C-alpha atoms as a PDB file:
ATOM      1  CA  MET A   1     138.282  83.923  72.326  1.00  0.00           C
ATOM      2  CA  SER A   2     135.054  82.644  73.842  1.00  0.00           C
ATOM      3  CA  GLN A   3     131.976  81.702  71.921  1.00  0.00           C
ATOM      4  CA  PHE A   4     128.523  81.448  73.489  1.00  0.00           C
ATOM      5  CA  ARG A   5     126.142  78.853  72.155  1.00  0.00           C
ATOM      6  CA  LEU A   6     122.655  79.875  73.162  1.00  0.00           C
ATOM      7  CA  GLU A   7     119.319  78.623  71.948  1.00  0.00           C
ATOM      8  CA  THR A   8     118.111  80.199  68.745  1.00  0.00           C
ATOM      9  CA  GLU A   9     114.622  81.520  68.106  1.00  0.00           C
ATOM     10  CA  ALA A  10     113.918  78.260  66.234  1.00  0.00           C
ATOM     11  CA  ASP A  11     114.997  76.238  69.290  1.00  0.00           C
ATOM     12  CA  MET A  12     112.704  78.243  71.563  1.00  0.00           C
ATOM     13  CA  SER A  13     109.799  77.859  69.176  1.00  0.00           C
ATOM     14  CA  ALA A  14     110.361  74.100  69.067  1.00  0.00           C
ATOM     15  CA  TYR A  15     110.321  73.797  72.879  1.00  0.00           C
ATOM     16  CA  LEU A  16     107.081  75.759  72.992  1.00  0.00           C
ATOM     17  CA  ASP A  17     105.327  73.987  70.112  1.00  0.00           C
ATOM     18  CA  ILE A  18     101.919  72.812  71.349  1.00  0.00           C
ATOM     19  CA  ASN A  19     101.720  69.929  68.865  1.00  0.00           C
ATOM     20  CA  TYR A  20     105.230  68.473  68.898  1.00  0.00           C
ATOM     21  CA  GLY A  21     106.997  70.272  71.751  1.00  0.00           C
ATOM     22  CA  HIS A  22     106.335  70.511  75.469  1.00  0.00           C
ATOM     23  CA  ALA A  23     103.926  73.450  75.606  1.00  0.00           C
ATOM     24  CA  ILE A  24     100.290  74.222  76.214  1.00  0.00           C
ATOM     25  CA  THR A  25      98.436  77.448  75.448  1.00  0.00           C
ATOM     26  CA  ALA A  26      97.587  79.993  78.104  1.00  0.00           C
ATOM     27  CA  THR A  27      95.886  83.352  78.300  1.00  0.00           C
ATOM     28  CA  TYR A  28      98.166  85.903  79.943  1.00  0.00           C
ATOM     29  CA  THR A  29      96.357  88.926  81.406  1.00  0.00           C
ATOM     30  CA  ARG A  30      98.038  92.183  82.403  1.00  0.00           C
ATOM     31  CA  ASN A  31      96.069  95.384  83.084  1.00  0.00           C
ATOM     32  CA  ASP A  32      92.891  93.772  81.658  1.00  0.00           C
ATOM     33  CA  ILE A  33      94.624  93.080  78.331  1.00  0.00           C
ATOM     34  CA  ASP A  34      94.672  89.404  77.267  1.00  0.00           C
ATOM     35  CA  SER A  35      97.212  87.707  75.039  1.00  0.00           C
ATOM     36  CA  THR A  36      97.561  84.065  74.098  1.00  0.00           C
ATOM     37  CA  ILE A  37     101.005  82.597  74.739  1.00  0.00           C
ATOM     38  CA  ASN A  38     102.562  79.140  74.806  1.00  0.00           C
ATOM     39  CA  ILE A  39     103.971  77.956  78.124  1.00  0.00           C
ATOM     40  CA  ILE A  40     105.629  74.934  79.643  1.00  0.00           C
ATOM     41  CA  LEU A  41     103.870  74.246  82.959  1.00  0.00           C
ATOM     42  CA  ASN A  42     105.801  72.327  85.613  1.00  0.00           C
ATOM     43  CA  ASN A  43     105.313  71.529  89.282  1.00  0.00           C
ATOM     44  CA  GLU A  44     108.619  72.111  91.034  1.00  0.00           C
ATOM     45  CA  TYR A  45     109.838  71.966  94.606  1.00  0.00           C
ATOM     46  CA  VAL A  46     110.488  75.435  95.997  1.00  0.00           C
ATOM     47  CA  GLU A  47     111.220  76.691  99.491  1.00  0.00           C
ATOM     48  CA  GLN A  48     108.008  77.911 101.146  1.00  0.00           C
ATOM     49  CA  GLU A  49     109.536  80.494 103.463  1.00  0.00           C
ATOM     50  CA  GLU A  50     113.130  81.508 103.079  1.00  0.00           C
ATOM     51  CA  GLY A  51     115.356  80.161 105.819  1.00  0.00           C
ATOM     52  CA  ILE A  52     113.082  77.530 107.361  1.00  0.00           C
ATOM     53  CA  GLY A  53     113.917  74.745 104.905  1.00  0.00           C
ATOM     54  CA  VAL A  54     110.350  73.633 104.137  1.00  0.00           C
ATOM     55  CA  GLU A  55     109.710  72.857 100.478  1.00  0.00           C
ATOM     56  CA  ALA A  56     106.481  72.212  98.610  1.00  0.00           C
ATOM     57  CA  LEU A  57     105.336  71.694  95.036  1.00  0.00           C
ATOM     58  CA  LYS A  58     104.628  74.953  93.251  1.00  0.00           C
ATOM     59  CA  PRO A  59     103.408  75.472  89.661  1.00  0.00           C
ATOM     60  CA  ILE A  60     105.913  77.328  87.490  1.00  0.00           C
ATOM     61  CA  ALA A  61     105.243  78.434  83.923  1.00  0.00           C
ATOM     62  CA  TYR A  62     108.057  79.004  81.430  1.00  0.00           C
ATOM     63  CA  CYS A  63     107.531  81.221  78.394  1.00  0.00           C
ATOM     64  CA  ARG A  64     109.509  83.283  75.930  1.00  0.00           C
ATOM     65  CA  THR A  65     110.346  86.648  77.478  1.00  0.00           C
ATOM     66  CA  VAL A  66     109.095  88.444  74.345  1.00  0.00           C
ATOM     67  CA  ASP A  67     105.637  86.899  74.875  1.00  0.00           C
ATOM     68  CA  ALA A  68     105.270  88.438  78.363  1.00  0.00           C
ATOM     69  CA  PRO A  69     107.984  91.112  78.557  1.00  0.00           C
ATOM     70  CA  ASN A  70     106.473  93.012  81.488  1.00  0.00           C
ATOM     71  CA  ALA A  71     105.122  90.063  83.494  1.00  0.00           C
ATOM     72  CA  SER A  72     104.806  90.968  87.147  1.00  0.00           C
ATOM     73  CA  TYR A  73     103.270  90.064  90.484  1.00  0.00           C
ATOM     74  CA  GLY A  74      99.475  89.974  90.343  1.00  0.00           C
ATOM     75  CA  ASP A  75      99.084  89.307  86.621  1.00  0.00           C
ATOM     76  CA  THR A  76      97.044  86.207  85.749  1.00  0.00           C
ATOM     77  CA  LEU A  77      97.664  83.185  83.596  1.00  0.00           C
ATOM     78  CA  ALA A  78      94.823  80.888  82.512  1.00  0.00           C
ATOM     79  CA  ALA A  79      96.437  77.611  81.409  1.00  0.00           C
ATOM     80  CA  SER A  80      94.615  75.197  79.123  1.00  0.00           C
ATOM     81  CA  ALA A  81      94.128  71.572  80.141  1.00  0.00           C
ATOM     82  CA  VAL A  82      97.156  69.280  79.980  1.00  0.00           C
ATOM     83  CA  THR A  83      96.399  66.186  77.885  1.00  0.00           C
ATOM     84  CA  ASP A  84      98.292  63.124  76.750  1.00  0.00           C
ATOM     85  CA  ILE A  85      98.750  62.211  73.071  1.00  0.00           C
ATOM     86  CA  GLU A  86      95.409  60.376  73.069  1.00  0.00           C
ATOM     87  CA  GLY A  87      93.528  63.421  74.373  1.00  0.00           C
ATOM     88  CA  ASN A  88      93.028  62.201  77.952  1.00  0.00           C
ATOM     89  CA  VAL A  89      93.021  65.086  80.441  1.00  0.00           C
ATOM     90  CA  LEU A  90      95.967  64.822  82.833  1.00  0.00           C
ATOM     91  CA  LYS A  91      95.349  68.202  84.497  1.00  0.00           C
ATOM     92  CA  ALA A  92      92.248  70.338  84.104  1.00  0.00           C
ATOM     93  CA  ALA A  93      92.446  73.919  82.876  1.00  0.00           C
ATOM     94  CA  GLN A  94      93.386  76.250  85.716  1.00  0.00           C
ATOM     95  CA  THR A  95      93.731  79.975  86.347  1.00  0.00           C
ATOM     96  CA  TYR A  96      96.743  81.208  88.304  1.00  0.00           C
ATOM     97  CA  THR A  97      98.024  84.444  89.795  1.00  0.00           C
ATOM     98  CA  ILE A  98     101.682  85.231  89.139  1.00  0.00           C
ATOM     99  CA  VAL A  99     103.582  85.621  92.423  1.00  0.00           C
ATOM    100  CA  ASN A 100     107.189  85.764  91.199  1.00  0.00           C
ATOM    101  CA  VAL A 101     108.878  86.441  87.853  1.00  0.00           C
ATOM    102  CA  GLN A 102     112.426  85.458  86.914  1.00  0.00           C
ATOM    103  CA  THR A 103     113.963  86.240  83.534  1.00  0.00           C
ATOM    104  CA  ASP A 104     117.090  84.269  82.670  1.00  0.00           C
ATOM    105  CA  ARG A 105     118.552  86.701  80.090  1.00  0.00           C
ATOM    106  CA  THR A 106     118.584  83.980  77.434  1.00  0.00           C
ATOM    107  CA  GLY A 107     115.041  84.581  76.219  1.00  0.00           C
ATOM    108  CA  PHE A 108     112.975  82.621  78.746  1.00  0.00           C
ATOM    109  CA  THR A 109     110.987  83.763  81.777  1.00  0.00           C
ATOM    110  CA  ALA A 110     109.889  81.610  84.714  1.00  0.00           C
ATOM    111  CA  MET A 111     106.679  82.650  86.454  1.00  0.00           C
ATOM    112  CA  GLU A 112     105.923  81.189  89.880  1.00  0.00           C
ATOM    113  CA  LEU A 113     102.173  80.709  90.190  1.00  0.00           C
ATOM    114  CA  GLU A 114      99.419  80.277  92.782  1.00  0.00           C
ATOM    115  CA  GLU A 115      96.019  78.798  91.983  1.00  0.00           C
ATOM    116  CA  VAL A 116      93.146  81.296  92.001  1.00  0.00           C
END
């Protein structure tokens, strides 16, 4: 008998807590309808063009799938500024276009972004 141990809703909420977790707020826009969601914004190395082996840093936003269930290519995400615990701005607020969406079937979605 196997038993899966996946993150609970409380775990996901803790990861995406803007005060004590790893998240920042963002405005997700689809079909001119805005919603405020919490995201974890990372810069990750991804392959630029499949098969040529060239990688570059690319912004990727992680959110709960229920917060953006129909996220797709061309939607926008306006991320708030990233600050340290003293309030110093580490990365200014930025608006992105979503260029790739990957759901992991555990409740999280990764959105590959391009700066607008």
